Amino acid sequence: MTKQERATVVINTLKEIYPEIPIPLNHKDPYTLLIAVLLSAQCTDVRVNLITPILFAKAHNPYDMVKLSVEEIKEIIRPCGLSPMKSKGIHGLSEILIAKHNGLVPQSFEALEALPAVGHKTASVVMSQAFGVPAFPVDTHIHRLMYRWNLTNGKNVQQTEKDAKAIFPKELWNDLHLQIIWYGREYSPARGWNIENDPITKIIGRKSVLEEYYKKTSRIV
């Protein structure tokens, strides 16, 4: 099976499983999405969704956020981890949005990535989910599955993103990156993986990955 044929299997299967695609992080506008994505670094979306209502009840726009101290923000977001860095980032980017962007989240990768604590992945999520600009943010699930599906060599997330953009049609990027994330969580996790519940990998999985999987499971049996 060629790489393009494997990609077609991915597209068709995910479309069938996820005709409607849930948004993992709760938000109501580009600013609250930006903050939620920033908080999700090394933290589960479930936990972020528990913390953001508390934070946004106090400040759901940059003008209210800068009225809070970094320490106040840090105390609220502590359960999300990395709170010293994230609280400084949230306060700092809110100041910049007011000073340089009239309080609005900018609609360009360059401007977003210039904000404190905002990297390429965060900018990509905001551009795709808030503004509908084609992007392919690569998280751990996408990185893992693109390798399992033999669609990338898996050396780093930058290469995985490049390979994903090369193999999948641009008009599908925004849906696919979310569909793959959900699929990774529900059907092809890093831990407790059961290939019988993973129809895509079962069909197109990388040979070495499948061999290693069956070697491990045969030892368990």
C-alpha atoms as a PDB file:
ATOM      1  CA  MET A   1       0.000   0.000   0.000  1.00  0.00           C
ATOM      2  CA  THR A   2       1.396   3.407  -0.986  1.00  0.00           C
ATOM      3  CA  LYS A   3       1.645   6.334   1.415  1.00  0.00           C
ATOM      4  CA  GLN A   4      -1.205   8.075  -0.427  1.00  0.00           C
ATOM      5  CA  GLU A   5      -3.371   4.966  -0.143  1.00  0.00           C
ATOM      6  CA  ARG A   6      -2.664   4.812   3.597  1.00  0.00           C
ATOM      7  CA  ALA A   7      -3.594   8.489   3.908  1.00  0.00           C
ATOM      8  CA  THR A   8      -6.874   7.789   2.105  1.00  0.00           C
ATOM      9  CA  VAL A   9      -7.660   5.013   4.602  1.00  0.00           C
ATOM     10  CA  VAL A  10      -7.056   7.502   7.426  1.00  0.00           C
ATOM     11  CA  ILE A  11      -9.251  10.200   5.873  1.00  0.00           C
ATOM     12  CA  ASN A  12     -12.160   7.880   5.076  1.00  0.00           C
ATOM     13  CA  THR A  13     -12.114   6.049   8.409  1.00  0.00           C
ATOM     14  CA  LEU A  14     -11.931   9.228  10.476  1.00  0.00           C
ATOM     15  CA  LYS A  15     -14.732  10.810   8.472  1.00  0.00           C
ATOM     16  CA  GLU A  16     -16.884   7.785   9.234  1.00  0.00           C
ATOM     17  CA  ILE A  17     -16.040   7.712  12.961  1.00  0.00           C
ATOM     18  CA  TYR A  18     -16.175  11.488  13.509  1.00  0.00           C
ATOM     19  CA  PRO A  19     -18.702  13.057  11.109  1.00  0.00           C
ATOM     20  CA  GLU A  20     -19.161  15.738  13.762  1.00  0.00           C
ATOM     21  CA  ILE A  21     -15.932  16.824  15.445  1.00  0.00           C
ATOM     22  CA  PRO A  22     -16.025  17.971  19.082  1.00  0.00           C
ATOM     23  CA  ILE A  23     -13.706  20.830  20.069  1.00  0.00           C
ATOM     24  CA  PRO A  24     -11.492  19.567  22.935  1.00  0.00           C
ATOM     25  CA  LEU A  25     -11.041  22.903  24.754  1.00  0.00           C
ATOM     26  CA  ASN A  26     -14.042  24.934  25.898  1.00  0.00           C
ATOM     27  CA  HIS A  27     -13.883  28.571  24.792  1.00  0.00           C
ATOM     28  CA  LYS A  28     -16.122  31.342  23.507  1.00  0.00           C
ATOM     29  CA  ASP A  29     -13.785  33.498  21.398  1.00  0.00           C
ATOM     30  CA  PRO A  30     -10.191  33.677  20.097  1.00  0.00           C
ATOM     31  CA  TYR A  31      -8.841  35.101  23.365  1.00  0.00           C
ATOM     32  CA  THR A  32     -10.310  32.411  25.613  1.00  0.00           C
ATOM     33  CA  LEU A  33      -9.139  29.763  23.120  1.00  0.00           C
ATOM     34  CA  LEU A  34      -5.621  31.202  23.173  1.00  0.00           C
ATOM     35  CA  ILE A  35      -5.507  31.057  26.969  1.00  0.00           C
ATOM     36  CA  ALA A  36      -6.970  27.539  27.062  1.00  0.00           C
ATOM     37  CA  VAL A  37      -4.442  26.235  24.537  1.00  0.00           C
ATOM     38  CA  LEU A  38      -1.595  27.859  26.430  1.00  0.00           C
ATOM     39  CA  LEU A  39      -2.791  26.157  29.629  1.00  0.00           C
ATOM     40  CA  SER A  40      -3.024  22.778  27.893  1.00  0.00           C
ATOM     41  CA  ALA A  41       0.765  22.440  27.570  1.00  0.00           C
ATOM     42  CA  GLN A  42       1.679  19.291  29.541  1.00  0.00           C
ATOM     43  CA  CYS A  43      -1.854  19.217  30.959  1.00  0.00           C
ATOM     44  CA  THR A  44      -4.977  17.305  29.959  1.00  0.00           C
ATOM     45  CA  ASP A  45      -7.818  19.079  28.184  1.00  0.00           C
ATOM     46  CA  VAL A  46     -10.190  17.745  30.849  1.00  0.00           C
ATOM     47  CA  ARG A  47      -8.273  19.550  33.588  1.00  0.00           C
ATOM     48  CA  VAL A  48      -7.973  22.734  31.525  1.00  0.00           C
ATOM     49  CA  ASN A  49     -11.755  22.712  31.029  1.00  0.00           C
ATOM     50  CA  LEU A  50     -12.175  22.544  34.808  1.00  0.00           C
ATOM     51  CA  ILE A  51      -9.835  25.484  35.452  1.00  0.00           C
ATOM     52  CA  THR A  52     -10.725  27.930  32.660  1.00  0.00           C
ATOM     53  CA  PRO A  53     -14.268  28.662  33.948  1.00  0.00           C
ATOM     54  CA  ILE A  54     -12.715  29.768  37.256  1.00  0.00           C
ATOM     55  CA  LEU A  55     -10.150  31.965  35.502  1.00  0.00           C
ATOM     56  CA  PHE A  56     -12.602  33.380  32.954  1.00  0.00           C
ATOM     57  CA  ALA A  57     -15.134  34.215  35.662  1.00  0.00           C
ATOM     58  CA  LYS A  58     -12.544  36.742  36.845  1.00  0.00           C
ATOM     59  CA  ALA A  59     -11.085  37.695  33.466  1.00  0.00           C
ATOM     60  CA  HIS A  60     -12.239  36.576  30.029  1.00  0.00           C
ATOM     61  CA  ASN A  61     -10.570  39.350  28.030  1.00  0.00           C
ATOM     62  CA  PRO A  62      -7.114  40.959  28.116  1.00  0.00           C
ATOM     63  CA  TYR A  63      -8.348  44.164  29.780  1.00  0.00           C
ATOM     64  CA  ASP A  64      -9.671  42.257  32.793  1.00  0.00           C
ATOM     65  CA  MET A  65      -6.732  39.834  32.798  1.00  0.00           C
ATOM     66  CA  VAL A  66      -4.130  42.585  33.276  1.00  0.00           C
ATOM     67  CA  LYS A  67      -6.040  43.768  36.336  1.00  0.00           C
ATOM     68  CA  LEU A  68      -5.096  40.473  37.978  1.00  0.00           C
ATOM     69  CA  SER A  69      -1.569  40.061  39.271  1.00  0.00           C
ATOM     70  CA  VAL A  70       0.679  37.312  37.938  1.00  0.00           C
ATOM     71  CA  GLU A  71       0.457  35.732  41.381  1.00  0.00           C
ATOM     72  CA  GLU A  72      -3.369  35.728  41.295  1.00  0.00           C
ATOM     73  CA  ILE A  73      -3.360  34.072  37.875  1.00  0.00           C
ATOM     74  CA  LYS A  74      -0.785  31.553  39.065  1.00  0.00           C
ATOM     75  CA  GLU A  75      -2.914  30.480  42.019  1.00  0.00           C
ATOM     76  CA  ILE A  76      -5.935  29.863  39.805  1.00  0.00           C
ATOM     77  CA  ILE A  77      -4.100  27.901  37.111  1.00  0.00           C
ATOM     78  CA  ARG A  78      -1.788  25.958  39.449  1.00  0.00           C
ATOM     79  CA  PRO A  79      -3.582  22.609  38.822  1.00  0.00           C
ATOM     80  CA  CYS A  80      -2.627  22.867  35.126  1.00  0.00           C
ATOM     81  CA  GLY A  81       1.094  22.704  35.908  1.00  0.00           C
ATOM     82  CA  LEU A  82       3.919  25.012  34.827  1.00  0.00           C
ATOM     83  CA  SER A  83       1.969  27.791  36.538  1.00  0.00           C
ATOM     84  CA  PRO A  84       4.905  30.235  37.030  1.00  0.00           C
ATOM     85  CA  MET A  85       5.665  30.287  33.292  1.00  0.00           C
ATOM     86  CA  LYS A  86       2.035  30.133  32.162  1.00  0.00           C
ATOM     87  CA  SER A  87       0.852  32.918  34.502  1.00  0.00           C
ATOM     88  CA  LYS A  88       3.606  35.262  33.310  1.00  0.00           C
ATOM     89  CA  GLY A  89       2.763  34.362  29.732  1.00  0.00           C
ATOM     90  CA  ILE A  90      -0.960  35.002  30.155  1.00  0.00           C
ATOM     91  CA  HIS A  91      -0.395  38.367  31.855  1.00  0.00           C
ATOM     92  CA  GLY A  92       2.337  39.380  29.412  1.00  0.00           C
ATOM     93  CA  LEU A  93       0.475  38.462  26.244  1.00  0.00           C
ATOM     94  CA  SER A  94      -2.630  40.252  27.533  1.00  0.00           C
ATOM     95  CA  GLU A  95      -0.579  43.425  27.944  1.00  0.00           C
ATOM     96  CA  ILE A  96       0.774  43.087  24.410  1.00  0.00           C
ATOM     97  CA  LEU A  97      -2.685  42.452  22.926  1.00  0.00           C
ATOM     98  CA  ILE A  98      -3.853  45.727  24.489  1.00  0.00           C
ATOM     99  CA  ALA A  99      -0.747  47.706  23.534  1.00  0.00           C
ATOM    100  CA  LYS A 100      -0.268  46.410  19.978  1.00  0.00           C
ATOM    101  CA  HIS A 101      -3.491  44.775  18.798  1.00  0.00           C
ATOM    102  CA  ASN A 102      -6.368  46.826  20.250  1.00  0.00           C
ATOM    103  CA  GLY A 103      -7.112  44.013  22.687  1.00  0.00           C
ATOM    104  CA  LEU A 104      -7.728  41.505  19.888  1.00  0.00           C
ATOM    105  CA  VAL A 105      -5.964  38.238  19.126  1.00  0.00           C
ATOM    106  CA  PRO A 106      -3.944  38.764  15.918  1.00  0.00           C
ATOM    107  CA  GLN A 107      -4.740  36.629  12.908  1.00  0.00           C
ATOM    108  CA  SER A 108      -1.220  35.708  11.804  1.00  0.00           C
ATOM    109  CA  PHE A 109       1.273  33.052  12.824  1.00  0.00           C
ATOM    110  CA  GLU A 110       4.049  35.615  13.100  1.00  0.00           C
ATOM    111  CA  ALA A 111       2.156  37.910  15.479  1.00  0.00           C
ATOM    112  CA  LEU A 112       0.874  35.016  17.583  1.00  0.00           C
ATOM    113  CA  GLU A 113       4.293  33.401  17.930  1.00  0.00           C
ATOM    114  CA  ALA A 114       5.714  36.746  19.038  1.00  0.00           C
ATOM    115  CA  LEU A 115       3.502  36.626  22.148  1.00  0.00           C
ATOM    116  CA  PRO A 116       4.951  35.330  25.448  1.00  0.00           C
ATOM    117  CA  ALA A 117       4.530  31.575  26.038  1.00  0.00           C
ATOM    118  CA  VAL A 118       2.983  31.090  22.582  1.00  0.00           C
ATOM    119  CA  GLY A 119       4.793  28.591  20.376  1.00  0.00           C
ATOM    120  CA  HIS A 120       4.068  27.307  16.910  1.00  0.00           C
ATOM    121  CA  LYS A 121       1.648  24.602  18.062  1.00  0.00           C
ATOM    122  CA  THR A 122      -0.440  27.043  20.124  1.00  0.00           C
ATOM    123  CA  ALA A 123      -0.472  29.533  17.256  1.00  0.00           C
ATOM    124  CA  SER A 124      -1.537  26.768  14.852  1.00  0.00           C
ATOM    125  CA  VAL A 125      -4.458  25.727  17.048  1.00  0.00           C
ATOM    126  CA  VAL A 126      -5.673  29.321  17.328  1.00  0.00           C
ATOM    127  CA  MET A 127      -5.292  29.998  13.605  1.00  0.00           C
ATOM    128  CA  SER A 128      -7.194  26.834  12.681  1.00  0.00           C
ATOM    129  CA  GLN A 129      -9.923  26.737  15.328  1.00  0.00           C
ATOM    130  CA  ALA A 130     -10.508  30.458  15.888  1.00  0.00           C
ATOM    131  CA  PHE A 131      -9.921  31.831  12.392  1.00  0.00           C
ATOM    132  CA  GLY A 132     -10.363  28.844  10.070  1.00  0.00           C
ATOM    133  CA  VAL A 133      -6.893  29.207   8.559  1.00  0.00           C
ATOM    134  CA  PRO A 134      -5.497  25.846   7.392  1.00  0.00           C
ATOM    135  CA  ALA A 135      -2.970  24.559   9.933  1.00  0.00           C
ATOM    136  CA  PHE A 136      -1.858  21.200  11.269  1.00  0.00           C
ATOM    137  CA  PRO A 137      -0.938  21.474  14.965  1.00  0.00           C
ATOM    138  CA  VAL A 138       0.917  18.335  16.024  1.00  0.00           C
ATOM    139  CA  ASP A 139       0.400  17.074  19.570  1.00  0.00           C
ATOM    140  CA  THR A 140       1.596  13.816  21.121  1.00  0.00           C
ATOM    141  CA  HIS A 141      -1.359  11.851  19.708  1.00  0.00           C
ATOM    142  CA  ILE A 142      -0.781  13.020  16.137  1.00  0.00           C
ATOM    143  CA  HIS A 143       2.966  12.504  16.445  1.00  0.00           C
ATOM    144  CA  ARG A 144       2.414   8.939  17.697  1.00  0.00           C
ATOM    145  CA  LEU A 145      -0.212   7.988  15.126  1.00  0.00           C
ATOM    146  CA  MET A 146       1.553   9.459  12.112  1.00  0.00           C
ATOM    147  CA  TYR A 147       4.494   7.215  13.037  1.00  0.00           C
ATOM    148  CA  ARG A 148       2.317   4.163  13.733  1.00  0.00           C
ATOM    149  CA  TRP A 149       0.641   4.671  10.369  1.00  0.00           C
ATOM    150  CA  ASN A 150       4.001   4.933   8.601  1.00  0.00           C
ATOM    151  CA  LEU A 151       3.222   8.442   7.344  1.00  0.00           C
ATOM    152  CA  THR A 152       6.296  10.023   8.948  1.00  0.00           C
ATOM    153  CA  ASN A 153       9.633   8.869  10.334  1.00  0.00           C
ATOM    154  CA  GLY A 154       8.657  10.296  13.736  1.00  0.00           C
ATOM    155  CA  LYS A 155      11.980  12.042  14.405  1.00  0.00           C
ATOM    156  CA  ASN A 156      10.370  15.238  15.715  1.00  0.00           C
ATOM    157  CA  VAL A 157       7.059  17.118  15.668  1.00  0.00           C
ATOM    158  CA  GLN A 158       8.361  19.569  13.067  1.00  0.00           C
ATOM    159  CA  GLN A 159       8.979  16.734  10.608  1.00  0.00           C
ATOM    160  CA  THR A 160       5.632  15.148  11.472  1.00  0.00           C
ATOM    161  CA  GLU A 161       3.827  18.430  10.738  1.00  0.00           C
ATOM    162  CA  LYS A 162       5.672  18.807   7.437  1.00  0.00           C
ATOM    163  CA  ASP A 163       4.824  15.245   6.411  1.00  0.00           C
ATOM    164  CA  ALA A 164       1.159  15.618   7.441  1.00  0.00           C
ATOM    165  CA  LYS A 165       0.820  18.767   5.352  1.00  0.00           C
ATOM    166  CA  ALA A 166       2.429  17.045   2.383  1.00  0.00           C
ATOM    167  CA  ILE A 167       0.225  13.955   2.440  1.00  0.00           C
ATOM    168  CA  PHE A 168      -3.189  15.349   3.443  1.00  0.00           C
ATOM    169  CA  PRO A 169      -5.212  17.855   1.360  1.00  0.00           C
ATOM    170  CA  LYS A 170      -4.991  21.378   2.767  1.00  0.00           C
ATOM    171  CA  GLU A 171      -8.766  21.775   2.952  1.00  0.00           C
ATOM    172  CA  LEU A 172      -8.903  18.821   5.369  1.00  0.00           C
ATOM    173  CA  TRP A 173      -6.124  19.909   7.759  1.00  0.00           C
ATOM    174  CA  ASN A 174      -8.318  21.647  10.320  1.00  0.00           C
ATOM    175  CA  ASP A 175     -10.720  18.719  10.625  1.00  0.00           C
ATOM    176  CA  LEU A 176      -8.087  16.003  10.397  1.00  0.00           C
ATOM    177  CA  HIS A 177      -5.846  17.248  13.182  1.00  0.00           C
ATOM    178  CA  LEU A 178      -8.812  17.175  15.571  1.00  0.00           C
ATOM    179  CA  GLN A 179     -10.076  13.820  14.289  1.00  0.00           C
ATOM    180  CA  ILE A 180      -6.633  12.251  14.758  1.00  0.00           C
ATOM    181  CA  ILE A 181      -6.404  13.624  18.313  1.00  0.00           C
ATOM    182  CA  TRP A 182      -9.765  12.082  19.236  1.00  0.00           C
ATOM    183  CA  TYR A 183      -8.867   8.829  17.510  1.00  0.00           C
ATOM    184  CA  GLY A 184      -5.563   8.657  19.382  1.00  0.00           C
ATOM    185  CA  ARG A 185      -7.323   9.094  22.705  1.00  0.00           C
ATOM    186  CA  GLU A 186     -10.161   6.684  22.047  1.00  0.00           C
ATOM    187  CA  TYR A 187      -8.749   4.024  19.723  1.00  0.00           C
ATOM    188  CA  SER A 188      -4.953   4.159  19.642  1.00  0.00           C
ATOM    189  CA  PRO A 189      -3.549   5.358  22.979  1.00  0.00           C
ATOM    190  CA  ALA A 190       0.093   5.226  24.028  1.00  0.00           C
ATOM    191  CA  ARG A 191      -0.743   3.036  27.033  1.00  0.00           C
ATOM    192  CA  GLY A 192      -3.206   0.183  27.194  1.00  0.00           C
ATOM    193  CA  TRP A 193      -3.248  -0.038  23.401  1.00  0.00           C
ATOM    194  CA  ASN A 194      -5.374  -2.859  21.990  1.00  0.00           C
ATOM    195  CA  ILE A 195      -4.972  -3.158  18.254  1.00  0.00           C
ATOM    196  CA  GLU A 196      -8.305  -4.956  18.005  1.00  0.00           C
ATOM    197  CA  ASN A 197      -9.903  -1.609  18.888  1.00  0.00           C
ATOM    198  CA  ASP A 198      -7.700   0.293  16.420  1.00  0.00           C
ATOM    199  CA  PRO A 199      -9.029  -0.325  12.889  1.00  0.00           C
ATOM    200  CA  ILE A 200      -6.690   2.126  11.134  1.00  0.00           C
ATOM    201  CA  THR A 201      -3.416   0.817  12.572  1.00  0.00           C
ATOM    202  CA  LYS A 202      -4.604  -2.740  12.061  1.00  0.00           C
ATOM    203  CA  ILE A 203      -4.882  -2.025   8.318  1.00  0.00           C
ATOM    204  CA  ILE A 204      -1.982   0.346   7.629  1.00  0.00           C
ATOM    205  CA  GLY A 205       0.296   0.088  10.672  1.00  0.00           C
ATOM    206  CA  ARG A 206       4.064   0.333  10.289  1.00  0.00           C
ATOM    207  CA  LYS A 207       5.485  -3.176  10.076  1.00  0.00           C
ATOM    208  CA  SER A 208       7.994  -2.696  12.914  1.00  0.00           C
ATOM    209  CA  VAL A 209       5.297  -1.245  15.190  1.00  0.00           C
ATOM    210  CA  LEU A 210       2.953  -4.160  14.546  1.00  0.00           C
ATOM    211  CA  GLU A 211       5.728  -6.714  15.043  1.00  0.00           C
ATOM    212  CA  GLU A 212       6.701  -5.112  18.359  1.00  0.00           C
ATOM    213  CA  TYR A 213       3.064  -4.988  19.453  1.00  0.00           C
ATOM    214  CA  TYR A 214       2.410  -8.665  18.714  1.00  0.00           C
ATOM    215  CA  LYS A 215       5.729  -9.682  20.305  1.00  0.00           C
ATOM    216  CA  LYS A 216       4.738  -7.889  23.533  1.00  0.00           C
ATOM    217  CA  THR A 217       1.176  -9.211  23.606  1.00  0.00           C
ATOM    218  CA  SER A 218       2.337 -12.769  22.946  1.00  0.00           C
ATOM    219  CA  ARG A 219       4.682 -12.514  25.941  1.00  0.00           C
ATOM    220  CA  ILE A 220       1.786 -11.281  28.099  1.00  0.00           C
ATOM    221  CA  VAL A 221      -0.362 -14.215  27.021  1.00  0.00           C
END
